[in-house]
Amino acid sequence: MELSSVKVEQISSKSEVVIDFGENLSTSEIREIALESFPNTMFSDGKILGRYEKTDFCLYFKNISYLGNPHPIFKKRIQIPGTFKNLYDSNANVNIKTLLLGIYKYKDNIVFVDFDTSTYINNRINNSSAHVYTIDLLKGCETGFFQKVDKFGNKITVFTKNRMDDYYKYKFEHTEIESKIEIVNTFDDFFNSISKNWFGIDCYKEMIKSDYNNKFQSEWVGFYLEFLLNNYIFDHHLYDIMKYLQNKKNEDVDLDLYFSKINSYGDLKTHSDTSSGIIGNDYETIKKLVEQGKVYYIVCNHKTNLDKDYSYEVTKFWNSVQQKDDLLSYSNKMKHDVELNSYYILEINKFNFKYLDLYNQGKNSNGNSRNPKISISNKNIGNFLIHMVEFGDEG
């Protein structure tokens, strides 16, 4: 084993993130760890082979290491050589299932990462990379078994030796292994239940009919999402899982969601696919909360059509229903309709907090500076992302 030449983020066996040199394992060291950790395996003909029930498999291991300068220190990878495709095909010809795995080792901590081959095997592989982030390894250490689809559509499974039975059941029996905090399933169900195409006038009418307190907000997309979630929580009696916090007092936490079972706060955000980042809440508030636990952002991503390209239909309706004299007030910024394309769950914790950006809000009407908010740039989202679902076309 050799140490890397630079210090980057490492994950200890206590699920702590530290800055230290990485460990580069030799082929023989990888083989030894694999044979000791994976049941029913052996080394034969230059391969690590195994059998589970009636399935023969081959473990193809690569060392997980830092991606290298100038990449951020939270980003790691395995390198996939061009020969992997040949191995995969030759194994398939004799009914052997090939698993693409990364092994991460830092001192006494060992974590395995399964990279779903369906993402890579149909592409031309020529010394390509498969990526994994600090938060992925951290969640794997915390839970023993963690899965996510990243923003590029790659599915990874992070697991430890003591969850090997679950990994085998997932890979060979296609058993869904529970690996998510409860709010993930709840939000999956919520987003599955709603329309993915929103027309501004229809959304305003729906909120007005229900006398929703934010029914006349100009930025209707975010408030319509809140309206739908609030109704969903009420209709499905979900108050033991999450609460939508309204009518807050000055000293209350300025986030809209509280997840009682995991004692964490969160917030609901809408995010246009043309935006460079996600604007969050008050910086100092988030800083205090992550000193005690974690904060979750539920981010709904959408494609936007502006109302100015549709004869200001929504603008005129919005102004007329409020009996305003100027029917084109807010016309340049008004959204006509949106198409939802995905949603994220982002986790902010004490380790990735430092990768947040500051968003300065300028000054209040009295000339005093407003408190800065947090911002998560698109380039850093991967190290906050713990869950993502892409929506298909409706109809």
Foldseek 3Di string as FASTA:
>chain_A
DDWDPAWFWDADLVLDTDTDTFDADDPVRVVVVCPVQAPAWDADPNWIWGDDDHAIETEDEFEWDAPDPPDHRFKIKGWDAQCVLVVCVVCVVVRYHYWYKYWGDDPPDIKMKTWPCVVPNVDRHHRDIDMDGNLQQSLCSVQQWAWAQFPVRIIMIMHDSVCNVVVCCCPPVVDDDDSDDPVVVVVVVLVVPDAQKWFLVVLLVVCVVVVPVCSLPQASPQVSVVVSVQVVCVVVVVVQQKDQDPPDDPPDQPAGMAGVVQGETEHEEEAEPVDQWGWDFFLVSLVVRQVPNKYKYKYWYKHFDACVVVVQVSQQVSCVVVPHPDSCVVRVPGTRMIGTFKIFIFMDHPVCSVQWDWAWPQADPVRHGDGITTIHGPVRRRNGTRYMDTDDDDD
